[in-house]
Amino acid sequence: MSTPVNLFAPLPDARTAEVFTDLLVTPGCRIERIVSQGQTTPLDRPYRQPHAEWVMVVSGAARVMMDGAETVLAPGDHLLIPADTEHLVTFTDPDQPTVWLAVHVGEADINPAGA
């Protein structure tokens, strides 16, 4: 039987760098918690992934630029980033942690621990 784990406890300090924590890894799907606090994507290094990613802001605030449009994300807001889509995080709240839930779908080379 699994032991329950709380998404918020312990919440890592992300003031100097984003913190990525895998919550579930299975073949073809990875769910991670991302904690940001003021970080953005450098304009000269946008993200582009060969797999789809669904993201939701659980707490805090963020903005994502994709396909030339900026989307404001508040708690509960989510969006799908299709595979091979260039995107940038243009804002995360510098005054409080922004907690994201990210689901990577169809990610290659996912190898669960012990598999």
PDB file of N, CA and C in Angstrom:
ATOM      1  N   MET A   1       0.835  -1.169   0.000  1.00  0.00           N
ATOM      2  CA  MET A   1       0.000   0.000   0.000  1.00  0.00           C
ATOM      3  C   MET A   1       0.887   1.242   0.000  1.00  0.00           C
ATOM      4  N   SER A   2       0.525   2.213  -0.808  1.00  0.00           N
ATOM      5  CA  SER A   2       1.292   3.451  -0.897  1.00  0.00           C
ATOM      6  C   SER A   2       1.014   4.356   0.286  1.00  0.00           C
ATOM      7  N   THR A   3       2.021   5.116   0.657  1.00  0.00           N
ATOM      8  CA  THR A   3       1.877   6.125   1.694  1.00  0.00           C
ATOM      9  C   THR A   3       1.495   7.435   1.040  1.00  0.00           C
ATOM     10  N   PRO A   4       0.473   8.128   1.542  1.00  0.00           N
ATOM     11  CA  PRO A   4       0.086   9.408   0.942  1.00  0.00           C
ATOM     12  C   PRO A   4       1.226  10.422   1.019  1.00  0.00           C
ATOM     13  N   VAL A   5       1.334  11.220  -0.007  1.00  0.00           N
ATOM     14  CA  VAL A   5       2.334  12.279  -0.066  1.00  0.00           C
ATOM     15  C   VAL A   5       1.591  13.570  -0.398  1.00  0.00           C
ATOM     16  N   ASN A   6       1.911  14.646   0.304  1.00  0.00           N
ATOM     17  CA  ASN A   6       1.256  15.925   0.076  1.00  0.00           C
ATOM     18  C   ASN A   6       2.042  16.731  -0.948  1.00  0.00           C
ATOM     19  N   LEU A   7       1.341  17.302  -1.922  1.00  0.00           N
ATOM     20  CA  LEU A   7       1.964  18.087  -2.982  1.00  0.00           C
ATOM     21  C   LEU A   7       2.696  19.310  -2.431  1.00  0.00           C
ATOM     22  N   PHE A   8       2.259  19.807  -1.263  1.00  0.00           N
ATOM     23  CA  PHE A   8       2.811  21.042  -0.714  1.00  0.00           C
ATOM     24  C   PHE A   8       3.808  20.836   0.420  1.00  0.00           C
ATOM     25  N   ALA A   9       3.928  19.631   0.925  1.00  0.00           N
ATOM     26  CA  ALA A   9       4.801  19.440   2.084  1.00  0.00           C
ATOM     27  C   ALA A   9       5.750  18.275   1.849  1.00  0.00           C
ATOM     28  N   PRO A  10       7.019  18.494   1.939  1.00  0.00           N
ATOM     29  CA  PRO A  10       7.618  19.812   2.127  1.00  0.00           C
ATOM     30  C   PRO A  10       7.729  20.545   0.786  1.00  0.00           C
ATOM     31  N   LEU A  11       7.497  21.837   0.800  1.00  0.00           N
ATOM     32  CA  LEU A  11       7.631  22.655  -0.402  1.00  0.00           C
ATOM     33  C   LEU A  11       9.059  23.193  -0.440  1.00  0.00           C
ATOM     34  N   PRO A  12       9.826  22.858  -1.484  1.00  0.00           N
ATOM     35  CA  PRO A  12      11.226  23.293  -1.526  1.00  0.00           C
ATOM     36  C   PRO A  12      11.355  24.790  -1.755  1.00  0.00           C
ATOM     37  N   ASP A  13      12.474  25.340  -1.347  1.00  0.00           N
ATOM     38  CA  ASP A  13      12.786  26.748  -1.562  1.00  0.00           C
ATOM     39  C   ASP A  13      13.215  26.919  -3.024  1.00  0.00           C
ATOM     40  N   ALA A  14      12.461  27.710  -3.775  1.00  0.00           N
ATOM     41  CA  ALA A  14      12.750  27.899  -5.200  1.00  0.00           C
ATOM     42  C   ALA A  14      13.187  29.326  -5.510  1.00  0.00           C
ATOM     43  N   ARG A  15      13.631  30.057  -4.507  1.00  0.00           N
ATOM     44  CA  ARG A  15      14.013  31.457  -4.748  1.00  0.00           C
ATOM     45  C   ARG A  15      15.238  31.592  -5.642  1.00  0.00           C
ATOM     46  N   THR A  16      16.137  30.614  -5.626  1.00  0.00           N
ATOM     47  CA  THR A  16      17.346  30.729  -6.453  1.00  0.00           C
ATOM     48  C   THR A  16      17.281  29.882  -7.723  1.00  0.00           C
ATOM     49  N   ALA A  17      16.426  28.859  -7.735  1.00  0.00           N
ATOM     50  CA  ALA A  17      16.296  28.003  -8.922  1.00  0.00           C
ATOM     51  C   ALA A  17      15.005  27.198  -8.833  1.00  0.00           C
ATOM     52  N   GLU A  18      14.413  26.930  -9.986  1.00  0.00           N
ATOM     53  CA  GLU A  18      13.226  26.079 -10.006  1.00  0.00           C
ATOM     54  C   GLU A  18      13.589  24.691  -9.483  1.00  0.00           C
ATOM     55  N   VAL A  19      12.600  24.042  -8.871  1.00  0.00           N
ATOM     56  CA  VAL A  19      12.814  22.706  -8.331  1.00  0.00           C
ATOM     57  C   VAL A  19      11.819  21.758  -9.007  1.00  0.00           C
ATOM     58  N   PHE A  20      12.346  20.695  -9.623  1.00  0.00           N
ATOM     59  CA  PHE A  20      11.545  19.710 -10.343  1.00  0.00           C
ATOM     60  C   PHE A  20      11.556  18.405  -9.546  1.00  0.00           C
ATOM     61  N   THR A  21      10.359  17.863  -9.268  1.00  0.00           N
ATOM     62  CA  THR A  21      10.251  16.623  -8.508  1.00  0.00           C
ATOM     63  C   THR A  21       9.317  15.665  -9.240  1.00  0.00           C
ATOM     64  N   ASP A  22       9.825  14.511  -9.638  1.00  0.00           N
ATOM     65  CA  ASP A  22       8.972  13.496 -10.249  1.00  0.00           C
ATOM     66  C   ASP A  22       8.036  12.929  -9.184  1.00  0.00           C
ATOM     67  N   LEU A  23       6.746  12.894  -9.502  1.00  0.00           N
ATOM     68  CA  LEU A  23       5.747  12.325  -8.599  1.00  0.00           C
ATOM     69  C   LEU A  23       5.341  10.930  -9.030  1.00  0.00           C
ATOM     70  N   LEU A  24       5.311  10.705 -10.339  1.00  0.00           N
ATOM     71  CA  LEU A  24       4.938   9.405 -10.898  1.00  0.00           C
ATOM     72  C   LEU A  24       5.647   9.246 -12.228  1.00  0.00           C
ATOM     73  N   VAL A  25       6.280   8.109 -12.404  1.00  0.00           N
ATOM     74  CA  VAL A  25       6.939   7.803 -13.676  1.00  0.00           C
ATOM     75  C   VAL A  25       6.499   6.409 -14.093  1.00  0.00           C
ATOM     76  N   THR A  26       5.842   6.339 -15.246  1.00  0.00           N
ATOM     77  CA  THR A  26       5.429   5.068 -15.834  1.00  0.00           C
ATOM     78  C   THR A  26       5.759   5.122 -17.314  1.00  0.00           C
ATOM     79  N   PRO A  27       5.787   3.996 -17.994  1.00  0.00           N
ATOM     80  CA  PRO A  27       6.099   4.033 -19.428  1.00  0.00           C
ATOM     81  C   PRO A  27       5.154   4.987 -20.176  1.00  0.00           C
ATOM     82  N   GLY A  28       5.747   5.974 -20.841  1.00  0.00           N
ATOM     83  CA  GLY A  28       4.984   6.906 -21.666  1.00  0.00           C
ATOM     84  C   GLY A  28       4.339   8.055 -20.933  1.00  0.00           C
ATOM     85  N   CYS A  29       4.494   8.157 -19.609  1.00  0.00           N
ATOM     86  CA  CYS A  29       3.875   9.247 -18.858  1.00  0.00           C
ATOM     87  C   CYS A  29       4.723   9.568 -17.628  1.00  0.00           C
ATOM     88  N   ARG A  30       4.951  10.864 -17.428  1.00  0.00           N
ATOM     89  CA  ARG A  30       5.669  11.315 -16.237  1.00  0.00           C
ATOM     90  C   ARG A  30       4.916  12.502 -15.663  1.00  0.00           C
ATOM     91  N   ILE A  31       4.647  12.459 -14.366  1.00  0.00           N
ATOM     92  CA  ILE A  31       3.986  13.562 -13.678  1.00  0.00           C
ATOM     93  C   ILE A  31       5.001  14.169 -12.732  1.00  0.00           C
ATOM     94  N   GLU A  32       5.143  15.492 -12.814  1.00  0.00           N
ATOM     95  CA  GLU A  32       6.113  16.153 -11.953  1.00  0.00           C
ATOM     96  C   GLU A  32       5.505  17.396 -11.310  1.00  0.00           C
ATOM     97  N   ARG A  33       6.067  17.721 -10.149  1.00  0.00           N
ATOM     98  CA  ARG A  33       5.764  18.990  -9.495  1.00  0.00           C
ATOM     99  C   ARG A  33       6.921  19.915  -9.825  1.00  0.00           C
ATOM    100  N   ILE A  34       6.582  21.134 -10.241  1.00  0.00           N
ATOM    101  CA  ILE A  34       7.580  22.165 -10.487  1.00  0.00           C
ATOM    102  C   ILE A  34       7.279  23.306  -9.518  1.00  0.00           C
ATOM    103  N   VAL A  35       8.288  23.770  -8.820  1.00  0.00           N
ATOM    104  CA  VAL A  35       8.131  24.917  -7.933  1.00  0.00           C
ATOM    105  C   VAL A  35       9.019  26.028  -8.488  1.00  0.00           C
ATOM    106  N   SER A  36       8.390  27.162  -8.804  1.00  0.00           N
ATOM    107  CA  SER A  36       9.082  28.331  -9.341  1.00  0.00           C
ATOM    108  C   SER A  36       8.865  29.503  -8.405  1.00  0.00           C
ATOM    109  N   GLN A  37       9.795  30.437  -8.414  1.00  0.00           N
ATOM    110  CA  GLN A  37       9.600  31.674  -7.670  1.00  0.00           C
ATOM    111  C   GLN A  37      10.410  32.767  -8.354  1.00  0.00           C
ATOM    112  N   GLY A  38       9.778  33.375  -9.353  1.00  0.00           N
ATOM    113  CA  GLY A  38      10.412  34.461 -10.088  1.00  0.00           C
ATOM    114  C   GLY A  38      11.178  34.031 -11.325  1.00  0.00           C
ATOM    115  N   GLN A  39      11.293  32.734 -11.578  1.00  0.00           N
ATOM    116  CA  GLN A  39      12.051  32.281 -12.744  1.00  0.00           C
ATOM    117  C   GLN A  39      11.236  32.473 -14.032  1.00  0.00           C
ATOM    118  N   THR A  40      11.963  32.724 -15.110  1.00  0.00           N
ATOM    119  CA  THR A  40      11.388  32.783 -16.454  1.00  0.00           C
ATOM    120  C   THR A  40      12.328  32.046 -17.404  1.00  0.00           C
ATOM    121  N   THR A  41      11.841  31.774 -18.591  1.00  0.00           N
ATOM    122  CA  THR A  41      12.650  31.114 -19.613  1.00  0.00           C
ATOM    123  C   THR A  41      13.458  32.171 -20.359  1.00  0.00           C
ATOM    124  N   PRO A  42      14.760  31.996 -20.494  1.00  0.00           N
ATOM    125  CA  PRO A  42      15.545  32.949 -21.300  1.00  0.00           C
ATOM    126  C   PRO A  42      14.990  33.013 -22.730  1.00  0.00           C
ATOM    127  N   LEU A  43      14.869  34.222 -23.260  1.00  0.00           N
ATOM    128  CA  LEU A  43      14.290  34.410 -24.592  1.00  0.00           C
ATOM    129  C   LEU A  43      15.063  33.662 -25.671  1.00  0.00           C
ATOM    130  N   ASP A  44      16.372  33.486 -25.466  1.00  0.00           N
ATOM    131  CA  ASP A  44      17.185  32.810 -26.469  1.00  0.00           C
ATOM    132  C   ASP A  44      17.208  31.285 -26.286  1.00  0.00           C
ATOM    133  N   ARG A  45      16.477  30.768 -25.282  1.00  0.00           N
ATOM    134  CA  ARG A  45      16.447  29.323 -25.044  1.00  0.00           C
ATOM    135  C   ARG A  45      15.026  28.827 -24.750  1.00  0.00           C
ATOM    136  N   PRO A  46      14.104  29.022 -25.700  1.00  0.00           N
ATOM    137  CA  PRO A  46      12.732  28.553 -25.450  1.00  0.00           C
ATOM    138  C   PRO A  46      12.686  27.031 -25.340  1.00  0.00           C
ATOM    139  N   TYR A  47      11.691  26.566 -24.620  1.00  0.00           N
ATOM    140  CA  TYR A  47      11.464  25.120 -24.514  1.00  0.00           C
ATOM    141  C   TYR A  47      10.858  24.612 -25.817  1.00  0.00           C
ATOM    142  N   ARG A  48      11.248  23.415 -26.220  1.00  0.00           N
ATOM    143  CA  ARG A  48      10.632  22.693 -27.336  1.00  0.00           C
ATOM    144  C   ARG A  48      10.864  21.221 -27.043  1.00  0.00           C
ATOM    145  N   GLN A  49       9.784  20.490 -26.844  1.00  0.00           N
ATOM    146  CA  GLN A  49       9.873  19.089 -26.445  1.00  0.00           C
ATOM    147  C   GLN A  49       9.248  18.195 -27.511  1.00  0.00           C
ATOM    148  N   PRO A  50       9.777  16.990 -27.675  1.00  0.00           N
ATOM    149  CA  PRO A  50       9.216  16.072 -28.673  1.00  0.00           C
ATOM    150  C   PRO A  50       7.935  15.379 -28.201  1.00  0.00           C
ATOM    151  N   HIS A  51       7.474  15.728 -27.013  1.00  0.00           N
ATOM    152  CA  HIS A  51       6.264  15.113 -26.460  1.00  0.00           C
ATOM    153  C   HIS A  51       5.323  16.213 -25.956  1.00  0.00           C
ATOM    154  N   ALA A  52       4.046  15.873 -25.797  1.00  0.00           N
ATOM    155  CA  ALA A  52       3.070  16.818 -25.264  1.00  0.00           C
ATOM    156  C   ALA A  52       3.260  16.979 -23.757  1.00  0.00           C
ATOM    157  N   GLU A  53       2.905  18.169 -23.266  1.00  0.00           N
ATOM    158  CA  GLU A  53       2.963  18.434 -21.831  1.00  0.00           C
ATOM    159  C   GLU A  53       1.713  19.206 -21.427  1.00  0.00           C
ATOM    160  N   TRP A  54       1.019  18.684 -20.431  1.00  0.00           N
ATOM    161  CA  TRP A  54      -0.133  19.369 -19.846  1.00  0.00           C
ATOM    162  C   TRP A  54       0.335  19.972 -18.546  1.00  0.00           C
ATOM    163  N   VAL A  55       0.095  21.272 -18.351  1.00  0.00           N
ATOM    164  CA  VAL A  55       0.512  21.934 -17.126  1.00  0.00           C
ATOM    165  C   VAL A  55      -0.671  22.621 -16.460  1.00  0.00           C
ATOM    166  N   MET A  56      -0.636  22.642 -15.125  1.00  0.00           N
ATOM    167  CA  MET A  56      -1.638  23.351 -14.347  1.00  0.00           C
ATOM    168  C   MET A  56      -0.931  24.102 -13.232  1.00  0.00           C
ATOM    169  N   VAL A  57      -1.340  25.344 -13.010  1.00  0.00           N
ATOM    170  CA  VAL A  57      -0.849  26.095 -11.868  1.00  0.00           C
ATOM    171  C   VAL A  57      -1.741  25.734 -10.685  1.00  0.00           C
ATOM    172  N   VAL A  58      -1.131  25.190  -9.648  1.00  0.00           N
ATOM    173  CA  VAL A  58      -1.858  24.777  -8.447  1.00  0.00           C
ATOM    174  C   VAL A  58      -1.926  25.939  -7.460  1.00  0.00           C
ATOM    175  N   SER A  59      -0.835  26.701  -7.345  1.00  0.00           N
ATOM    176  CA  SER A  59      -0.811  27.889  -6.496  1.00  0.00           C
ATOM    177  C   SER A  59       0.183  28.871  -7.093  1.00  0.00           C
ATOM    178  N   GLY A  60       0.015  30.144  -6.764  1.00  0.00           N
ATOM    179  CA  GLY A  60       0.883  31.169  -7.319  1.00  0.00           C
ATOM    180  C   GLY A  60       0.320  31.733  -8.603  1.00  0.00           C
ATOM    181  N   ALA A  61       1.198  32.199  -9.475  1.00  0.00           N
ATOM    182  CA  ALA A  61       0.787  32.810 -10.736  1.00  0.00           C
ATOM    183  C   ALA A  61       1.903  32.647 -11.763  1.00  0.00           C
ATOM    184  N   ALA A  62       1.500  32.534 -13.027  1.00  0.00           N
ATOM    185  CA  ALA A  62       2.482  32.367 -14.105  1.00  0.00           C
ATOM    186  C   ALA A  62       1.901  32.884 -15.411  1.00  0.00           C
ATOM    187  N   ARG A  63       2.800  33.077 -16.372  1.00  0.00           N
ATOM    188  CA  ARG A  63       2.398  33.388 -17.746  1.00  0.00           C
ATOM    189  C   ARG A  63       3.257  32.546 -18.673  1.00  0.00           C
ATOM    190  N   VAL A  64       2.635  32.028 -19.728  1.00  0.00           N
ATOM    191  CA  VAL A  64       3.321  31.200 -20.718  1.00  0.00           C
ATOM    192  C   VAL A  64       3.072  31.793 -22.095  1.00  0.00           C
ATOM    193  N   MET A  65       4.145  31.955 -22.880  1.00  0.00           N
ATOM    194  CA  MET A  65       4.053  32.426 -24.260  1.00  0.00           C
ATOM    195  C   MET A  65       4.161  31.217 -25.181  1.00  0.00           C
ATOM    196  N   MET A  66       3.138  31.072 -26.050  1.00  0.00           N
ATOM    197  CA  MET A  66       3.110  29.950 -26.990  1.00  0.00           C
ATOM    198  C   MET A  66       2.364  30.409 -28.235  1.00  0.00           C
ATOM    199  N   ASP A  67       2.903  30.090 -29.394  1.00  0.00           N
ATOM    200  CA  ASP A  67       2.277  30.474 -30.658  1.00  0.00           C
ATOM    201  C   ASP A  67       2.006  31.976 -30.741  1.00  0.00           C
ATOM    202  N   GLY A  68       2.934  32.780 -30.186  1.00  0.00           N
ATOM    203  CA  GLY A  68       2.812  34.229 -30.277  1.00  0.00           C
ATOM    204  C   GLY A  68       1.815  34.860 -29.322  1.00  0.00           C
ATOM    205  N   ALA A  69       1.192  34.062 -28.470  1.00  0.00           N
ATOM    206  CA  ALA A  69       0.219  34.595 -27.516  1.00  0.00           C
ATOM    207  C   ALA A  69       0.641  34.253 -26.097  1.00  0.00           C
ATOM    208  N   GLU A  70       0.462  35.212 -25.210  1.00  0.00           N
ATOM    209  CA  GLU A  70       0.792  34.991 -23.809  1.00  0.00           C
ATOM    210  C   GLU A  70      -0.482  34.620 -23.049  1.00  0.00           C
ATOM    211  N   THR A  71      -0.406  33.544 -22.257  1.00  0.00           N
ATOM    212  CA  THR A  71      -1.525  33.063 -21.472  1.00  0.00           C
ATOM    213  C   THR A  71      -1.222  33.288 -19.999  1.00  0.00           C
ATOM    214  N   VAL A  72      -2.137  33.943 -19.301  1.00  0.00           N
ATOM    215  CA  VAL A  72      -2.012  34.173 -17.868  1.00  0.00           C
ATOM    216  C   VAL A  72      -2.611  32.962 -17.160  1.00  0.00           C
ATOM    217  N   LEU A  73      -1.866  32.413 -16.211  1.00  0.00           N
ATOM    218  CA  LEU A  73      -2.319  31.234 -15.475  1.00  0.00           C
ATOM    219  C   LEU A  73      -2.425  31.556 -13.989  1.00  0.00           C
ATOM    220  N   ALA A  74      -3.606  31.339 -13.440  1.00  0.00           N
ATOM    221  CA  ALA A  74      -3.878  31.490 -12.013  1.00  0.00           C
ATOM    222  C   ALA A  74      -4.153  30.094 -11.462  1.00  0.00           C
ATOM    223  N   PRO A  75      -4.243  29.928 -10.147  1.00  0.00           N
ATOM    224  CA  PRO A  75      -4.520  28.606  -9.592  1.00  0.00           C
ATOM    225  C   PRO A  75      -5.748  27.947 -10.232  1.00  0.00           C
ATOM    226  N   GLY A  76      -5.539  26.711 -10.672  1.00  0.00           N
ATOM    227  CA  GLY A  76      -6.592  25.949 -11.335  1.00  0.00           C
ATOM    228  C   GLY A  76      -6.561  26.043 -12.846  1.00  0.00           C
ATOM    229  N   ASP A  77      -5.863  27.041 -13.398  1.00  0.00           N
ATOM    230  CA  ASP A  77      -5.765  27.169 -14.854  1.00  0.00           C
ATOM    231  C   ASP A  77      -4.778  26.150 -15.392  1.00  0.00           C
ATOM    232  N   HIS A  78      -5.110  25.579 -16.549  1.00  0.00           N
ATOM    233  CA  HIS A  78      -4.233  24.590 -17.154  1.00  0.00           C
ATOM    234  C   HIS A  78      -4.234  24.755 -18.655  1.00  0.00           C
ATOM    235  N   LEU A  79      -3.192  24.213 -19.288  1.00  0.00           N
ATOM    236  CA  LEU A  79      -3.121  24.249 -20.745  1.00  0.00           C
ATOM    237  C   LEU A  79      -2.296  23.084 -21.247  1.00  0.00           C
ATOM    238  N   LEU A  80      -2.553  22.737 -22.494  1.00  0.00           N
ATOM    239  CA  LEU A  80      -1.815  21.676 -23.166  1.00  0.00           C
ATOM    240  C   LEU A  80      -0.793  22.314 -24.089  1.00  0.00           C
ATOM    241  N   ILE A  81       0.441  21.886 -23.944  1.00  0.00           N
ATOM    242  CA  ILE A  81       1.516  22.318 -24.837  1.00  0.00           C
ATOM    243  C   ILE A  81       1.775  21.148 -25.779  1.00  0.00           C
ATOM    244  N   PRO A  82       1.346  21.268 -27.033  1.00  0.00           N
ATOM    245  CA  PRO A  82       1.540  20.150 -27.965  1.00  0.00           C
ATOM    246  C   PRO A  82       3.016  19.846 -28.205  1.00  0.00           C
ATOM    247  N   ALA A  83       3.288  18.631 -28.618  1.00  0.00           N
ATOM    248  CA  ALA A  83       4.654  18.227 -28.954  1.00  0.00           C
ATOM    249  C   ALA A  83       5.250  19.185 -29.979  1.00  0.00           C
ATOM    250  N   ASP A  84       6.545  19.436 -29.851  1.00  0.00           N
ATOM    251  CA  ASP A  84       7.308  20.271 -30.781  1.00  0.00           C
ATOM    252  C   ASP A  84       6.820  21.710 -30.862  1.00  0.00           C
ATOM    253  N   THR A  85       6.195  22.210 -29.806  1.00  0.00           N
ATOM    254  CA  THR A  85       5.723  23.591 -29.772  1.00  0.00           C
ATOM    255  C   THR A  85       6.681  24.426 -28.928  1.00  0.00           C
ATOM    256  N   GLU A  86       7.222  25.467 -29.537  1.00  0.00           N
ATOM    257  CA  GLU A  86       8.117  26.361 -28.821  1.00  0.00           C
ATOM    258  C   GLU A  86       7.297  27.160 -27.812  1.00  0.00           C
ATOM    259  N   HIS A  87       7.806  27.244 -26.576  1.00  0.00           N
ATOM    260  CA  HIS A  87       7.092  27.989 -25.537  1.00  0.00           C
ATOM    261  C   HIS A  87       8.069  28.539 -24.508  1.00  0.00           C
ATOM    262  N   LEU A  88       7.632  29.585 -23.837  1.00  0.00           N
ATOM    263  CA  LEU A  88       8.435  30.260 -22.828  1.00  0.00           C
ATOM    264  C   LEU A  88       7.579  30.528 -21.604  1.00  0.00           C
ATOM    265  N   VAL A  89       8.155  30.382 -20.432  1.00  0.00           N
ATOM    266  CA  VAL A  89       7.531  30.875 -19.215  1.00  0.00           C
ATOM    267  C   VAL A  89       8.003  32.321 -19.098  1.00  0.00           C
ATOM    268  N   THR A  90       7.068  33.276 -19.184  1.00  0.00           N
ATOM    269  CA  THR A  90       7.426  34.691 -19.187  1.00  0.00           C
ATOM    270  C   THR A  90       7.277  35.342 -17.823  1.00  0.00           C
ATOM    271  N   PHE A  91       6.643  34.636 -16.875  1.00  0.00           N
ATOM    272  CA  PHE A  91       6.470  35.190 -15.530  1.00  0.00           C
ATOM    273  C   PHE A  91       6.135  34.077 -14.556  1.00  0.00           C
ATOM    274  N   THR A  92       6.762  34.103 -13.389  1.00  0.00           N
ATOM    275  CA  THR A  92       6.300  33.378 -12.204  1.00  0.00           C
ATOM    276  C   THR A  92       6.430  34.364 -11.054  1.00  0.00           C
ATOM    277  N   ASP A  93       5.509  34.281 -10.120  1.00  0.00           N
ATOM    278  CA  ASP A  93       5.429  35.239  -9.025  1.00  0.00           C
ATOM    279  C   ASP A  93       6.732  35.241  -8.218  1.00  0.00           C
ATOM    280  N   PRO A  94       7.405  36.390  -8.110  1.00  0.00           N
ATOM    281  CA  PRO A  94       8.651  36.435  -7.341  1.00  0.00           C
ATOM    282  C   PRO A  94       8.425  36.477  -5.831  1.00  0.00           C
ATOM    283  N   ASP A  95       7.201  36.775  -5.404  1.00  0.00           N
ATOM    284  CA  ASP A  95       6.924  36.955  -3.983  1.00  0.00           C
ATOM    285  C   ASP A  95       6.401  35.718  -3.276  1.00  0.00           C
ATOM    286  N   GLN A  96       6.023  34.712  -4.048  1.00  0.00           N
ATOM    287  CA  GLN A  96       5.518  33.473  -3.456  1.00  0.00           C
ATOM    288  C   GLN A  96       5.801  32.321  -4.417  1.00  0.00           C
ATOM    289  N   PRO A  97       5.886  31.109  -3.911  1.00  0.00           N
ATOM    290  CA  PRO A  97       6.105  29.969  -4.800  1.00  0.00           C
ATOM    291  C   PRO A  97       4.927  29.768  -5.759  1.00  0.00           C
ATOM    292  N   THR A  98       5.261  29.445  -6.982  1.00  0.00           N
ATOM    293  CA  THR A  98       4.262  28.988  -7.946  1.00  0.00           C
ATOM    294  C   THR A  98       4.458  27.487  -8.063  1.00  0.00           C
ATOM    295  N   VAL A  99       3.404  26.745  -7.753  1.00  0.00           N
ATOM    296  CA  VAL A  99       3.464  25.287  -7.819  1.00  0.00           C
ATOM    297  C   VAL A  99       2.714  24.852  -9.067  1.00  0.00           C
ATOM    298  N   TRP A 100       3.418  24.119  -9.915  1.00  0.00           N
ATOM    299  CA  TRP A 100       2.868  23.587 -11.163  1.00  0.00           C
ATOM    300  C   TRP A 100       2.715  22.072 -11.015  1.00  0.00           C
ATOM    301  N   LEU A 101       1.742  21.539 -11.709  1.00  0.00           N
ATOM    302  CA  LEU A 101       1.637  20.099 -11.912  1.00  0.00           C
ATOM    303  C   LEU A 101       1.803  19.906 -13.412  1.00  0.00           C
ATOM    304  N   ALA A 102       2.780  19.111 -13.809  1.00  0.00           N
ATOM    305  CA  ALA A 102       3.065  18.889 -15.228  1.00  0.00           C
ATOM    306  C   ALA A 102       2.944  17.402 -15.544  1.00  0.00           C
ATOM    307  N   VAL A 103       2.226  17.117 -16.613  1.00  0.00           N
ATOM    308  CA  VAL A 103       2.075  15.736 -17.078  1.00  0.00           C
ATOM    309  C   VAL A 103       2.699  15.659 -18.464  1.00  0.00           C
ATOM    310  N   HIS A 104       3.762  14.875 -18.569  1.00  0.00           N
ATOM    311  CA  HIS A 104       4.460  14.678 -19.842  1.00  0.00           C
ATOM    312  C   HIS A 104       3.892  13.402 -20.472  1.00  0.00           C
ATOM    313  N   VAL A 105       3.290  13.555 -21.647  1.00  0.00           N
ATOM    314  CA  VAL A 105       2.608  12.440 -22.296  1.00  0.00           C
ATOM    315  C   VAL A 105       3.400  11.995 -23.524  1.00  0.00           C
ATOM    316  N   GLY A 106       3.726  10.702 -23.560  1.00  0.00           N
ATOM    317  CA  GLY A 106       4.454  10.187 -24.707  1.00  0.00           C
ATOM    318  C   GLY A 106       5.924  10.503 -24.681  1.00  0.00           C
ATOM    319  N   GLU A 107       6.450  10.835 -23.510  1.00  0.00           N
ATOM    320  CA  GLU A 107       7.874  11.139 -23.388  1.00  0.00           C
ATOM    321  C   GLU A 107       8.690   9.875 -23.634  1.00  0.00           C
ATOM    322  N   ALA A 108       9.637   9.964 -24.525  1.00  0.00           N
ATOM    323  CA  ALA A 108      10.479   8.801 -24.833  1.00  0.00           C
ATOM    324  C   ALA A 108      11.456   8.544 -23.705  1.00  0.00           C
ATOM    325  N   ASP A 109      11.877   7.307 -23.622  1.00  0.00           N
ATOM    326  CA  ASP A 109      12.903   6.892 -22.677  1.00  0.00           C
ATOM    327  C   ASP A 109      12.519   7.078 -21.218  1.00  0.00           C
ATOM    328  N   ILE A 110      11.213   7.055 -20.929  1.00  0.00           N
ATOM    329  CA  ILE A 110      10.802   7.055 -19.528  1.00  0.00           C
ATOM    330  C   ILE A 110      11.038   5.656 -18.994  1.00  0.00           C
ATOM    331  N   ASN A 111      11.807   5.574 -17.942  1.00  0.00           N
ATOM    332  CA  ASN A 111      12.128   4.293 -17.364  1.00  0.00           C
ATOM    333  C   ASN A 111      11.862   4.354 -15.860  1.00  0.00           C
ATOM    334  N   PRO A 112      10.718   3.837 -15.410  1.00  0.00           N
ATOM    335  CA  PRO A 112      10.431   3.882 -13.987  1.00  0.00           C
ATOM    336  C   PRO A 112      11.511   3.178 -13.175  1.00  0.00           C
ATOM    337  N   ALA A 113      11.713   3.652 -11.961  1.00  0.00           N
ATOM    338  CA  ALA A 113      12.710   3.051 -11.081  1.00  0.00           C
ATOM    339  C   ALA A 113      12.429   1.571 -10.937  1.00  0.00           C
ATOM    340  N   GLY A 114      13.447   0.796 -11.088  1.00  0.00           N
ATOM    341  CA  GLY A 114      13.316  -0.655 -10.948  1.00  0.00           C
ATOM    342  C   GLY A 114      12.830  -1.361 -12.183  1.00  0.00           C
ATOM    343  N   ALA A 115      12.530  -0.616 -13.249  1.00  0.00           N
ATOM    344  CA  ALA A 115      12.037  -1.279 -14.466  1.00  0.00           C
ATOM    345  C   ALA A 115      13.188  -1.733 -15.328  1.00  0.00           C
TER     346      ALA A 115
END
